[in-house]
Amino acid sequence: MKKAIADNKVPVEKSVEEIYLDIVCSKNGDQILIKPANTIRNSDSVLVLSLLDQAEYERLTGISANLNDGEIFAWYPSAVQKDSVTVDETEFTVKKWLDKNPLTCGEDAVSDNAVLVVTDEDFKKFDEMRTEMYKGVSSAPAGEDLTLHLGLDITGSETDKIDFGTPVMEVVKDLKKNGGLSENSWITSGIRQQEYESYYADNGSLLFIGIFLGSLFLMGTAMIIYYKQISEGYEDQKRFEIMQKVGLSRREVRSSVRRQILMVFFLPLLMAMLHITMAFPMIRRMLLLFGMTNTKLFIGCTAGTVLIFAVVYGLIYLMTARSYYHIVERK
């Protein structure tokens, strides 16, 4: 890859080379259990554990680890920071909790993830445990090779990034063809700029359909309620006229109209908010399938959608209340 960069005079702003061991695990409280992925039934309990030996950690960060066997550095955001981490039946002493993921990849992983920095001896033990875990399983290659992550930030325009990135990516992809990797290895690669067009096309069409159908159903619902209330106003006109003749004031008429229409308009909105709250965990899991891992952003978008619906309902309510009052008000 470095030769391809030099031969093609690629303007590299930043590069990264990371070697680590990935293990699919299961969480059981504070305990991490190494078990085959196809035996984990609850998606919330899945944990991708990435292991770095201390030499690789020192190369990536420039920070000396000085670990002894049984000691680790840990980056595990979802865990309670205690003095130890238990993997299967083995307890490791946490010498330091890391504030930042030492790896550049995996931060947007669909499942929960953690990174442990271990000694060479402990690294071998983890490697043996993973190999044993995948023995006799169809996904055996996942238990035999390390992960090598290569990344480049290329300066220039989008066209330049594609033009310079393509020959580098082709060289990496040809590694397996040329016998540079084992038979159990596989390569995934891509250029971000090339993915943009299809990404925005797919998501833009979904966004348009969502906004169009949402607006259509919202206005349809609002108009149905509006015309229903107006028709009921003509039916109630005689009743309000009689009540006003026997002493019902205009203020009381307005108050009665307001309470009635408020209930008709906003009870459905409150029920919809309750439904989306109950459905939120399932929708979040569905979005994870599309690689959308930012739960805070999803919460914000949901709150914004509820607010837009409430504003539209409020406007239709004001129109309805005014029209309804004019119909039932005694001239």
C-alpha atoms as a PDB file:
ATOM      1  CA  MET A   1       0.000   0.000   0.000  1.00  0.00           C
ATOM      2  CA  LYS A   2       2.837   2.383   0.837  1.00  0.00           C
ATOM      3  CA  LYS A   3       4.418   1.611  -2.534  1.00  0.00           C
ATOM      4  CA  ALA A   4       1.126   2.367  -4.290  1.00  0.00           C
ATOM      5  CA  ILE A   5       0.922   5.684  -2.434  1.00  0.00           C
ATOM      6  CA  ALA A   6       4.466   6.588  -3.453  1.00  0.00           C
ATOM      7  CA  ASP A   7       4.096   5.420  -7.074  1.00  0.00           C
ATOM      8  CA  ASN A   8       0.878   7.394  -7.592  1.00  0.00           C
ATOM      9  CA  LYS A   9       2.076  10.417  -5.572  1.00  0.00           C
ATOM     10  CA  VAL A  10      -1.057  10.300  -3.426  1.00  0.00           C
ATOM     11  CA  PRO A  11      -1.415  13.491  -1.302  1.00  0.00           C
ATOM     12  CA  VAL A  12      -2.000  11.796   2.056  1.00  0.00           C
ATOM     13  CA  GLU A  13      -3.092  14.031   4.901  1.00  0.00           C
ATOM     14  CA  LYS A  14      -3.313  11.237   7.471  1.00  0.00           C
ATOM     15  CA  SER A  15      -2.973   7.473   7.470  1.00  0.00           C
ATOM     16  CA  VAL A  16      -3.754   4.757   9.976  1.00  0.00           C
ATOM     17  CA  GLU A  17      -2.610   1.158  10.371  1.00  0.00           C
ATOM     18  CA  GLU A  18      -4.195  -0.883  13.166  1.00  0.00           C
ATOM     19  CA  ILE A  19      -3.869  -4.578  13.992  1.00  0.00           C
ATOM     20  CA  TYR A  20      -6.204  -6.062  16.556  1.00  0.00           C
ATOM     21  CA  LEU A  21      -8.236  -9.137  17.449  1.00  0.00           C
ATOM     22  CA  ASP A  22     -12.049  -8.993  17.295  1.00  0.00           C
ATOM     23  CA  ILE A  23     -14.168 -11.391  19.352  1.00  0.00           C
ATOM     24  CA  VAL A  24     -17.964 -11.506  19.346  1.00  0.00           C
ATOM     25  CA  CYS A  25     -19.012 -11.824  22.979  1.00  0.00           C
ATOM     26  CA  SER A  26     -22.073 -11.712  25.173  1.00  0.00           C
ATOM     27  CA  LYS A  27     -22.639  -9.428  28.168  1.00  0.00           C
ATOM     28  CA  ASN A  28     -24.001 -10.857  31.389  1.00  0.00           C
ATOM     29  CA  GLY A  29     -24.122  -7.942  33.774  1.00  0.00           C
ATOM     30  CA  ASP A  30     -20.500  -6.873  34.263  1.00  0.00           C
ATOM     31  CA  GLN A  31     -19.183 -10.211  32.979  1.00  0.00           C
ATOM     32  CA  ILE A  32     -18.028 -10.693  29.365  1.00  0.00           C
ATOM     33  CA  LEU A  33     -18.693 -14.171  27.984  1.00  0.00           C
ATOM     34  CA  ILE A  34     -16.868 -15.494  24.925  1.00  0.00           C
ATOM     35  CA  LYS A  35     -19.327 -17.647  22.997  1.00  0.00           C
ATOM     36  CA  PRO A  36     -20.214 -18.346  19.337  1.00  0.00           C
ATOM     37  CA  ALA A  37     -22.184 -15.508  17.752  1.00  0.00           C
ATOM     38  CA  ASN A  38     -24.923 -17.877  16.549  1.00  0.00           C
ATOM     39  CA  THR A  39     -25.729 -18.789  20.162  1.00  0.00           C
ATOM     40  CA  ILE A  40     -26.444 -15.195  21.258  1.00  0.00           C
ATOM     41  CA  ARG A  41     -30.192 -14.661  21.082  1.00  0.00           C
ATOM     42  CA  ASN A  42     -30.588 -11.209  22.637  1.00  0.00           C
ATOM     43  CA  SER A  43     -29.173  -8.460  20.387  1.00  0.00           C
ATOM     44  CA  ASP A  44     -28.811  -6.117  23.366  1.00  0.00           C
ATOM     45  CA  SER A  45     -26.339  -8.518  24.989  1.00  0.00           C
ATOM     46  CA  VAL A  46     -23.949  -8.616  21.991  1.00  0.00           C
ATOM     47  CA  LEU A  47     -20.536  -7.088  22.623  1.00  0.00           C
ATOM     48  CA  VAL A  48     -17.727  -6.840  20.071  1.00  0.00           C
ATOM     49  CA  LEU A  49     -14.496  -7.079  22.039  1.00  0.00           C
ATOM     50  CA  SER A  50     -11.371  -5.716  20.336  1.00  0.00           C
ATOM     51  CA  LEU A  51      -7.993  -6.708  21.779  1.00  0.00           C
ATOM     52  CA  LEU A  52      -4.720  -4.827  21.348  1.00  0.00           C
ATOM     53  CA  ASP A  53      -1.382  -6.088  22.555  1.00  0.00           C
ATOM     54  CA  GLN A  54       0.534  -3.431  24.439  1.00  0.00           C
ATOM     55  CA  ALA A  55       3.165  -3.059  21.700  1.00  0.00           C
ATOM     56  CA  GLU A  56       0.455  -2.140  19.172  1.00  0.00           C
ATOM     57  CA  TYR A  57      -1.145   0.234  21.677  1.00  0.00           C
ATOM     58  CA  GLU A  58       2.184   1.957  22.275  1.00  0.00           C
ATOM     59  CA  ARG A  59       2.773   2.259  18.513  1.00  0.00           C
ATOM     60  CA  LEU A  60      -0.672   3.800  17.946  1.00  0.00           C
ATOM     61  CA  THR A  61      -0.704   6.185  20.894  1.00  0.00           C
ATOM     62  CA  GLY A  62       2.942   6.760  21.763  1.00  0.00           C
ATOM     63  CA  ILE A  63       2.061   6.013  25.409  1.00  0.00           C
ATOM     64  CA  SER A  64       3.938   3.374  27.373  1.00  0.00           C
ATOM     65  CA  ALA A  65       1.667   0.670  28.845  1.00  0.00           C
ATOM     66  CA  ASN A  66       4.034  -1.301  31.132  1.00  0.00           C
ATOM     67  CA  LEU A  67       1.422  -3.999  31.771  1.00  0.00           C
ATOM     68  CA  ASN A  68       1.947  -7.223  33.673  1.00  0.00           C
ATOM     69  CA  ASP A  69       0.037 -10.418  32.897  1.00  0.00           C
ATOM     70  CA  GLY A  70      -3.493 -10.058  34.238  1.00  0.00           C
ATOM     71  CA  GLU A  71      -3.447  -6.243  33.919  1.00  0.00           C
ATOM     72  CA  ILE A  72      -5.289  -4.325  31.185  1.00  0.00           C
ATOM     73  CA  PHE A  73      -6.163  -0.897  29.867  1.00  0.00           C
ATOM     74  CA  ALA A  74      -9.897  -0.762  29.142  1.00  0.00           C
ATOM     75  CA  TRP A  75     -12.155   1.349  26.951  1.00  0.00           C
ATOM     76  CA  TYR A  76     -15.694   0.170  27.688  1.00  0.00           C
ATOM     77  CA  PRO A  77     -18.178   3.107  27.673  1.00  0.00           C
ATOM     78  CA  SER A  78     -21.262   1.121  28.676  1.00  0.00           C
ATOM     79  CA  ALA A  79     -19.630  -0.572  31.674  1.00  0.00           C
ATOM     80  CA  VAL A  80     -19.388   0.637  35.247  1.00  0.00           C
ATOM     81  CA  GLN A  81     -15.749   1.544  35.817  1.00  0.00           C
ATOM     82  CA  LYS A  82     -14.558  -0.861  38.493  1.00  0.00           C
ATOM     83  CA  ASP A  83     -11.136  -2.108  39.493  1.00  0.00           C
ATOM     84  CA  SER A  84     -11.491  -5.261  37.406  1.00  0.00           C
ATOM     85  CA  VAL A  85     -13.157  -6.735  34.308  1.00  0.00           C
ATOM     86  CA  THR A  86     -14.210 -10.396  34.209  1.00  0.00           C
ATOM     87  CA  VAL A  87     -13.934 -12.301  30.909  1.00  0.00           C
ATOM     88  CA  ASP A  88     -15.460 -15.771  31.218  1.00  0.00           C
ATOM     89  CA  GLU A  89     -14.038 -16.913  34.565  1.00  0.00           C
ATOM     90  CA  THR A  90     -10.846 -14.846  34.390  1.00  0.00           C
ATOM     91  CA  GLU A  91     -10.631 -11.564  36.259  1.00  0.00           C
ATOM     92  CA  PHE A  92      -8.366  -8.848  34.856  1.00  0.00           C
ATOM     93  CA  THR A  93      -7.183  -5.884  36.900  1.00  0.00           C
ATOM     94  CA  VAL A  94      -7.898  -2.563  35.193  1.00  0.00           C
ATOM     95  CA  LYS A  95      -4.711  -0.535  35.460  1.00  0.00           C
ATOM     96  CA  LYS A  96      -6.299   2.360  33.563  1.00  0.00           C
ATOM     97  CA  TRP A  97      -9.703   3.228  32.123  1.00  0.00           C
ATOM     98  CA  LEU A  98      -9.246   4.892  28.730  1.00  0.00           C
ATOM     99  CA  ASP A  99     -11.312   8.000  27.971  1.00  0.00           C
ATOM    100  CA  LYS A 100     -11.004   7.502  24.209  1.00  0.00           C
ATOM    101  CA  ASN A 101     -11.114   4.512  21.901  1.00  0.00           C
ATOM    102  CA  PRO A 102      -7.495   3.825  20.835  1.00  0.00           C
ATOM    103  CA  LEU A 103      -8.838   2.419  17.537  1.00  0.00           C
ATOM    104  CA  THR A 104     -10.227   4.685  14.846  1.00  0.00           C
ATOM    105  CA  CYS A 105     -12.749   2.128  13.593  1.00  0.00           C
ATOM    106  CA  GLY A 106     -15.658   0.564  15.425  1.00  0.00           C
ATOM    107  CA  GLU A 107     -16.976   3.706  17.129  1.00  0.00           C
ATOM    108  CA  ASP A 108     -20.149   3.572  14.982  1.00  0.00           C
ATOM    109  CA  ALA A 109     -20.617  -0.174  15.370  1.00  0.00           C
ATOM    110  CA  VAL A 110     -24.192  -1.430  15.495  1.00  0.00           C
ATOM    111  CA  SER A 111     -23.526  -3.494  18.614  1.00  0.00           C
ATOM    112  CA  ASP A 112     -21.891  -2.433  21.853  1.00  0.00           C
ATOM    113  CA  ASN A 113     -18.100  -2.551  21.740  1.00  0.00           C
ATOM    114  CA  ALA A 114     -15.108  -2.470  24.031  1.00  0.00           C
ATOM    115  CA  VAL A 115     -11.337  -2.358  23.618  1.00  0.00           C
ATOM    116  CA  LEU A 116      -8.862  -4.054  25.967  1.00  0.00           C
ATOM    117  CA  VAL A 117      -5.096  -3.550  25.901  1.00  0.00           C
ATOM    118  CA  VAL A 118      -3.378  -6.712  27.162  1.00  0.00           C
ATOM    119  CA  THR A 119       0.054  -8.294  27.445  1.00  0.00           C
ATOM    120  CA  ASP A 120       1.403 -10.620  24.744  1.00  0.00           C
ATOM    121  CA  GLU A 121       0.733 -13.668  26.937  1.00  0.00           C
ATOM    122  CA  ASP A 122      -2.875 -12.651  27.643  1.00  0.00           C
ATOM    123  CA  PHE A 123      -3.323 -11.814  23.957  1.00  0.00           C
ATOM    124  CA  LYS A 124      -2.379 -15.402  23.079  1.00  0.00           C
ATOM    125  CA  LYS A 125      -4.881 -16.715  25.641  1.00  0.00           C
ATOM    126  CA  PHE A 126      -7.690 -14.656  24.095  1.00  0.00           C
ATOM    127  CA  ASP A 127      -6.661 -15.812  20.623  1.00  0.00           C
ATOM    128  CA  GLU A 128      -6.791 -19.442  21.752  1.00  0.00           C
ATOM    129  CA  MET A 129     -10.212 -18.934  23.355  1.00  0.00           C
ATOM    130  CA  ARG A 130     -11.605 -17.443  20.158  1.00  0.00           C
ATOM    131  CA  THR A 131     -10.121 -20.150  17.970  1.00  0.00           C
ATOM    132  CA  GLU A 132     -11.625 -22.780  20.254  1.00  0.00           C
ATOM    133  CA  MET A 133     -14.975 -20.972  20.165  1.00  0.00           C
ATOM    134  CA  TYR A 134     -15.182 -21.181  16.350  1.00  0.00           C
ATOM    135  CA  LYS A 135     -13.913 -24.749  16.082  1.00  0.00           C
ATOM    136  CA  GLY A 136     -16.357 -26.773  13.980  1.00  0.00           C
ATOM    137  CA  VAL A 137     -18.444 -23.686  13.175  1.00  0.00           C
ATOM    138  CA  SER A 138     -19.059 -22.625   9.569  1.00  0.00           C
ATOM    139  CA  SER A 139     -17.641 -19.179  10.337  1.00  0.00           C
ATOM    140  CA  ALA A 140     -14.317 -20.691  11.380  1.00  0.00           C
ATOM    141  CA  PRO A 141     -12.210 -18.168   9.407  1.00  0.00           C
ATOM    142  CA  ALA A 142     -13.398 -15.455  11.814  1.00  0.00           C
ATOM    143  CA  GLY A 143     -11.601 -17.330  14.567  1.00  0.00           C
ATOM    144  CA  GLU A 144      -8.223 -17.626  12.902  1.00  0.00           C
ATOM    145  CA  ASP A 145      -7.090 -14.240  11.590  1.00  0.00           C
ATOM    146  CA  LEU A 146      -6.405 -10.822  13.023  1.00  0.00           C
ATOM    147  CA  THR A 147      -8.039  -7.662  11.721  1.00  0.00           C
ATOM    148  CA  LEU A 148      -5.852  -5.197   9.851  1.00  0.00           C
ATOM    149  CA  HIS A 149      -7.408  -1.777   9.355  1.00  0.00           C
ATOM    150  CA  LEU A 150      -5.756   0.536   6.820  1.00  0.00           C
ATOM    151  CA  GLY A 151      -7.113   4.016   6.258  1.00  0.00           C
ATOM    152  CA  LEU A 152      -6.129   7.145   4.347  1.00  0.00           C
ATOM    153  CA  ASP A 153      -7.287  10.745   4.421  1.00  0.00           C
ATOM    154  CA  ILE A 154      -6.487  12.197   0.991  1.00  0.00           C
ATOM    155  CA  THR A 155      -6.378  15.948   0.360  1.00  0.00           C
ATOM    156  CA  GLY A 156      -7.983  17.588  -2.665  1.00  0.00           C
ATOM    157  CA  SER A 157     -11.383  17.640  -4.351  1.00  0.00           C
ATOM    158  CA  GLU A 158     -13.820  14.724  -4.391  1.00  0.00           C
ATOM    159  CA  THR A 159     -12.613  13.786  -7.874  1.00  0.00           C
ATOM    160  CA  ASP A 160      -8.988  13.877  -6.702  1.00  0.00           C
ATOM    161  CA  LYS A 161      -9.791  11.625  -3.752  1.00  0.00           C
ATOM    162  CA  ILE A 162     -11.428   9.064  -6.043  1.00  0.00           C
ATOM    163  CA  ASP A 163      -8.640   9.265  -8.639  1.00  0.00           C
ATOM    164  CA  PHE A 164      -5.854   8.899  -6.062  1.00  0.00           C
ATOM    165  CA  GLY A 165      -7.715   6.427  -3.846  1.00  0.00           C
ATOM    166  CA  THR A 166      -8.656   3.954  -6.589  1.00  0.00           C
ATOM    167  CA  PRO A 167      -5.152   2.615  -7.394  1.00  0.00           C
ATOM    168  CA  VAL A 168      -4.351   2.255  -3.680  1.00  0.00           C
ATOM    169  CA  MET A 169      -7.591   0.366  -3.063  1.00  0.00           C
ATOM    170  CA  GLU A 170      -6.935  -1.907  -6.064  1.00  0.00           C
ATOM    171  CA  VAL A 171      -3.501  -2.819  -4.730  1.00  0.00           C
ATOM    172  CA  VAL A 172      -5.008  -3.783  -1.368  1.00  0.00           C
ATOM    173  CA  LYS A 173      -7.764  -5.817  -3.051  1.00  0.00           C
ATOM    174  CA  ASP A 174      -5.168  -7.639  -5.170  1.00  0.00           C
ATOM    175  CA  LEU A 175      -3.302  -8.847  -2.066  1.00  0.00           C
ATOM    176  CA  LYS A 176      -5.402 -11.985  -1.851  1.00  0.00           C
ATOM    177  CA  LYS A 177      -5.183 -12.689  -5.579  1.00  0.00           C
ATOM    178  CA  ASN A 178      -1.399 -12.454  -5.397  1.00  0.00           C
ATOM    179  CA  GLY A 179      -1.162 -14.785  -2.408  1.00  0.00           C
ATOM    180  CA  GLY A 180      -0.356 -12.007   0.046  1.00  0.00           C
ATOM    181  CA  LEU A 181      -3.053 -13.177   2.459  1.00  0.00           C
ATOM    182  CA  SER A 182      -4.151 -16.539   3.805  1.00  0.00           C
ATOM    183  CA  GLU A 183      -7.084 -18.432   2.309  1.00  0.00           C
ATOM    184  CA  ASN A 184      -9.120 -17.695   5.421  1.00  0.00           C
ATOM    185  CA  SER A 185      -8.807 -13.930   4.945  1.00  0.00           C
ATOM    186  CA  TRP A 186     -11.229 -11.550   3.287  1.00  0.00           C
ATOM    187  CA  ILE A 187     -11.018  -7.888   2.358  1.00  0.00           C
ATOM    188  CA  THR A 188     -13.591  -5.115   2.566  1.00  0.00           C
ATOM    189  CA  SER A 189     -12.648  -1.778   1.029  1.00  0.00           C
ATOM    190  CA  GLY A 190     -14.144   1.384  -0.327  1.00  0.00           C
ATOM    191  CA  ILE A 191     -13.713   5.074  -1.089  1.00  0.00           C
ATOM    192  CA  ARG A 192     -16.021   7.327   0.876  1.00  0.00           C
ATOM    193  CA  GLN A 193     -16.593   9.811  -1.959  1.00  0.00           C
ATOM    194  CA  GLN A 194     -17.772   7.019  -4.259  1.00  0.00           C
ATOM    195  CA  GLU A 195     -20.376   5.984  -1.698  1.00  0.00           C
ATOM    196  CA  TYR A 196     -21.862   9.479  -1.328  1.00  0.00           C
ATOM    197  CA  GLU A 197     -23.933   9.539  -4.515  1.00  0.00           C
ATOM    198  CA  SER A 198     -25.727   6.241  -3.909  1.00  0.00           C
ATOM    199  CA  TYR A 199     -26.024   6.981  -0.170  1.00  0.00           C
ATOM    200  CA  TYR A 200     -27.737  10.331  -0.710  1.00  0.00           C
ATOM    201  CA  ALA A 201     -29.871   8.953  -3.547  1.00  0.00           C
ATOM    202  CA  ASP A 202     -31.196   6.098  -1.388  1.00  0.00           C
ATOM    203  CA  ASN A 203     -31.715   8.145   1.752  1.00  0.00           C
ATOM    204  CA  GLY A 204     -32.996  11.193  -0.136  1.00  0.00           C
ATOM    205  CA  SER A 205     -35.750   9.150  -1.780  1.00  0.00           C
ATOM    206  CA  LEU A 206     -36.716   7.636   1.588  1.00  0.00           C
ATOM    207  CA  LEU A 207     -36.744  11.105   3.142  1.00  0.00           C
ATOM    208  CA  PHE A 208     -38.981  12.464   0.360  1.00  0.00           C
ATOM    209  CA  ILE A 209     -41.420   9.543   0.622  1.00  0.00           C
ATOM    210  CA  GLY A 210     -41.522   9.888   4.414  1.00  0.00           C
ATOM    211  CA  ILE A 211     -42.177  13.642   4.318  1.00  0.00           C
ATOM    212  CA  PHE A 212     -44.739  13.296   1.516  1.00  0.00           C
ATOM    213  CA  LEU A 213     -46.723  10.477   3.134  1.00  0.00           C
ATOM    214  CA  GLY A 214     -46.415  12.043   6.593  1.00  0.00           C
ATOM    215  CA  SER A 215     -47.713  15.380   5.334  1.00  0.00           C
ATOM    216  CA  LEU A 216     -50.488  13.695   3.378  1.00  0.00           C
ATOM    217  CA  PHE A 217     -51.745  11.673   6.336  1.00  0.00           C
ATOM    218  CA  LEU A 218     -51.331  14.596   8.733  1.00  0.00           C
ATOM    219  CA  MET A 219     -53.357  17.002   6.598  1.00  0.00           C
ATOM    220  CA  GLY A 220     -55.926  14.319   5.815  1.00  0.00           C
ATOM    221  CA  THR A 221     -56.406  13.576   9.505  1.00  0.00           C
ATOM    222  CA  ALA A 222     -56.560  17.258  10.427  1.00  0.00           C
ATOM    223  CA  MET A 223     -59.099  18.046   7.713  1.00  0.00           C
ATOM    224  CA  ILE A 224     -61.299  15.093   8.662  1.00  0.00           C
ATOM    225  CA  ILE A 225     -61.370  16.279  12.281  1.00  0.00           C
ATOM    226  CA  TYR A 226     -61.971  19.879  11.153  1.00  0.00           C
ATOM    227  CA  TYR A 227     -64.961  19.080   8.944  1.00  0.00           C
ATOM    228  CA  LYS A 228     -66.329  16.649  11.533  1.00  0.00           C
ATOM    229  CA  GLN A 229     -66.290  19.401  14.151  1.00  0.00           C
ATOM    230  CA  ILE A 230     -67.836  21.931  11.765  1.00  0.00           C
ATOM    231  CA  SER A 231     -70.667  19.529  10.897  1.00  0.00           C
ATOM    232  CA  GLU A 232     -71.215  18.911  14.610  1.00  0.00           C
ATOM    233  CA  GLY A 233     -71.281  22.676  15.120  1.00  0.00           C
ATOM    234  CA  TYR A 234     -74.291  22.988  12.840  1.00  0.00           C
ATOM    235  CA  GLU A 235     -75.919  20.117  14.738  1.00  0.00           C
ATOM    236  CA  ASP A 236     -75.186  21.810  18.085  1.00  0.00           C
ATOM    237  CA  GLN A 237     -76.237  25.266  16.895  1.00  0.00           C
ATOM    238  CA  LYS A 238     -79.842  24.920  18.151  1.00  0.00           C
ATOM    239  CA  ARG A 239     -78.697  23.521  21.511  1.00  0.00           C
ATOM    240  CA  PHE A 240     -76.281  26.388  22.142  1.00  0.00           C
ATOM    241  CA  GLU A 241     -78.923  28.873  21.061  1.00  0.00           C
ATOM    242  CA  ILE A 242     -81.348  27.480  23.666  1.00  0.00           C
ATOM    243  CA  MET A 243     -78.625  27.480  26.352  1.00  0.00           C
ATOM    244  CA  GLN A 244     -77.774  31.109  25.563  1.00  0.00           C
ATOM    245  CA  LYS A 245     -81.418  32.076  25.821  1.00  0.00           C
ATOM    246  CA  VAL A 246     -81.562  30.647  29.345  1.00  0.00           C
ATOM    247  CA  GLY A 247     -78.481  32.557  30.462  1.00  0.00           C
ATOM    248  CA  LEU A 248     -75.290  30.941  29.053  1.00  0.00           C
ATOM    249  CA  SER A 249     -72.755  33.759  28.534  1.00  0.00           C
ATOM    250  CA  ARG A 250     -70.449  34.185  25.560  1.00  0.00           C
ATOM    251  CA  ARG A 251     -67.465  33.422  27.782  1.00  0.00           C
ATOM    252  CA  GLU A 252     -69.036  30.158  28.857  1.00  0.00           C
ATOM    253  CA  VAL A 253     -69.840  29.318  25.223  1.00  0.00           C
ATOM    254  CA  ARG A 254     -66.190  29.905  24.247  1.00  0.00           C
ATOM    255  CA  SER A 255     -64.961  27.868  27.218  1.00  0.00           C
ATOM    256  CA  SER A 256     -67.264  24.960  26.328  1.00  0.00           C
ATOM    257  CA  VAL A 257     -66.218  25.049  22.674  1.00  0.00           C
ATOM    258  CA  ARG A 258     -62.541  25.240  23.624  1.00  0.00           C
ATOM    259  CA  ARG A 259     -62.673  22.240  25.963  1.00  0.00           C
ATOM    260  CA  GLN A 260     -64.619  20.121  23.491  1.00  0.00           C
ATOM    261  CA  ILE A 261     -62.361  20.806  20.538  1.00  0.00           C
ATOM    262  CA  LEU A 262     -59.160  20.569  22.584  1.00  0.00           C
ATOM    263  CA  MET A 263     -60.144  17.064  23.639  1.00  0.00           C
ATOM    264  CA  VAL A 264     -61.059  15.995  20.101  1.00  0.00           C
ATOM    265  CA  PHE A 265     -57.830  17.336  18.602  1.00  0.00           C
ATOM    266  CA  PHE A 266     -55.154  16.618  21.173  1.00  0.00           C
ATOM    267  CA  LEU A 267     -56.202  13.286  22.689  1.00  0.00           C
ATOM    268  CA  PRO A 268     -55.236  11.515  19.409  1.00  0.00           C
ATOM    269  CA  LEU A 269     -51.929  13.422  19.413  1.00  0.00           C
ATOM    270  CA  LEU A 270     -51.214  12.352  22.994  1.00  0.00           C
ATOM    271  CA  MET A 271     -52.029   8.742  22.107  1.00  0.00           C
ATOM    272  CA  ALA A 272     -49.700   8.936  19.097  1.00  0.00           C
ATOM    273  CA  MET A 273     -46.916  10.237  21.373  1.00  0.00           C
ATOM    274  CA  LEU A 274     -47.553   7.331  23.743  1.00  0.00           C
ATOM    275  CA  HIS A 275     -47.399   4.849  20.850  1.00  0.00           C
ATOM    276  CA  ILE A 276     -44.104   6.231  19.504  1.00  0.00           C
ATOM    277  CA  THR A 277     -42.634   6.122  23.010  1.00  0.00           C
ATOM    278  CA  MET A 278     -43.570   2.453  23.407  1.00  0.00           C
ATOM    279  CA  ALA A 279     -42.346   1.617  19.881  1.00  0.00           C
ATOM    280  CA  PHE A 280     -39.069   3.541  20.279  1.00  0.00           C
ATOM    281  CA  PRO A 281     -36.895   0.540  21.327  1.00  0.00           C
ATOM    282  CA  MET A 282     -38.097  -1.552  18.365  1.00  0.00           C
ATOM    283  CA  ILE A 283     -37.653   1.311  15.875  1.00  0.00           C
ATOM    284  CA  ARG A 284     -34.147   1.905  17.231  1.00  0.00           C
ATOM    285  CA  ARG A 285     -33.274  -1.742  16.570  1.00  0.00           C
ATOM    286  CA  MET A 286     -34.639  -1.465  13.033  1.00  0.00           C
ATOM    287  CA  LEU A 287     -32.484   1.613  12.392  1.00  0.00           C
ATOM    288  CA  LEU A 288     -29.438  -0.261  13.692  1.00  0.00           C
ATOM    289  CA  LEU A 289     -29.875  -2.680  10.786  1.00  0.00           C
ATOM    290  CA  PHE A 290     -29.222   0.284   8.465  1.00  0.00           C
ATOM    291  CA  GLY A 291     -26.143   1.322  10.433  1.00  0.00           C
ATOM    292  CA  MET A 292     -27.871   4.231  12.174  1.00  0.00           C
ATOM    293  CA  THR A 293     -26.330   4.104  15.620  1.00  0.00           C
ATOM    294  CA  ASN A 294     -26.822   7.686  16.845  1.00  0.00           C
ATOM    295  CA  THR A 295     -29.636   7.228  19.367  1.00  0.00           C
ATOM    296  CA  LYS A 296     -29.439  10.859  20.530  1.00  0.00           C
ATOM    297  CA  LEU A 297     -30.013  12.052  16.962  1.00  0.00           C
ATOM    298  CA  PHE A 298     -32.977   9.683  16.624  1.00  0.00           C
ATOM    299  CA  ILE A 299     -34.482  11.026  19.858  1.00  0.00           C
ATOM    300  CA  GLY A 300     -34.040  14.597  18.599  1.00  0.00           C
ATOM    301  CA  CYS A 301     -35.657  13.787  15.246  1.00  0.00           C
ATOM    302  CA  THR A 302     -38.571  12.069  16.985  1.00  0.00           C
ATOM    303  CA  ALA A 303     -39.075  15.061  19.294  1.00  0.00           C
ATOM    304  CA  GLY A 304     -38.915  17.423  16.302  1.00  0.00           C
ATOM    305  CA  THR A 305     -41.514  15.355  14.429  1.00  0.00           C
ATOM    306  CA  VAL A 306     -43.845  15.402  17.459  1.00  0.00           C
ATOM    307  CA  LEU A 307     -43.376  19.177  17.707  1.00  0.00           C
ATOM    308  CA  ILE A 308     -44.242  19.680  14.015  1.00  0.00           C
ATOM    309  CA  PHE A 309     -47.370  17.546  14.402  1.00  0.00           C
ATOM    310  CA  ALA A 310     -48.367  19.500  17.520  1.00  0.00           C
ATOM    311  CA  VAL A 311     -47.914  22.860  15.736  1.00  0.00           C
ATOM    312  CA  VAL A 312     -50.022  21.748  12.759  1.00  0.00           C
ATOM    313  CA  TYR A 313     -52.685  20.365  15.089  1.00  0.00           C
ATOM    314  CA  GLY A 314     -52.601  23.652  17.013  1.00  0.00           C
ATOM    315  CA  LEU A 315     -53.171  25.708  13.852  1.00  0.00           C
ATOM    316  CA  ILE A 316     -56.053  23.514  12.733  1.00  0.00           C
ATOM    317  CA  TYR A 317     -57.464  23.678  16.270  1.00  0.00           C
ATOM    318  CA  LEU A 318     -57.475  27.506  16.199  1.00  0.00           C
ATOM    319  CA  MET A 319     -59.219  27.509  12.816  1.00  0.00           C
ATOM    320  CA  THR A 320     -61.755  24.950  14.004  1.00  0.00           C
ATOM    321  CA  ALA A 321     -62.491  26.672  17.332  1.00  0.00           C
ATOM    322  CA  ARG A 322     -63.045  30.029  15.624  1.00  0.00           C
ATOM    323  CA  SER A 323     -65.321  28.571  12.941  1.00  0.00           C
ATOM    324  CA  TYR A 324     -67.203  26.421  15.471  1.00  0.00           C
ATOM    325  CA  TYR A 325     -67.776  29.402  17.757  1.00  0.00           C
ATOM    326  CA  HIS A 326     -69.123  31.549  14.908  1.00  0.00           C
ATOM    327  CA  ILE A 327     -71.586  28.767  14.025  1.00  0.00           C
ATOM    328  CA  VAL A 328     -72.987  28.230  17.547  1.00  0.00           C
ATOM    329  CA  GLU A 329     -72.773  31.830  18.751  1.00  0.00           C
ATOM    330  CA  ARG A 330     -76.176  33.490  19.108  1.00  0.00           C
ATOM    331  CA  LYS A 331     -76.517  36.471  16.787  1.00  0.00           C
END
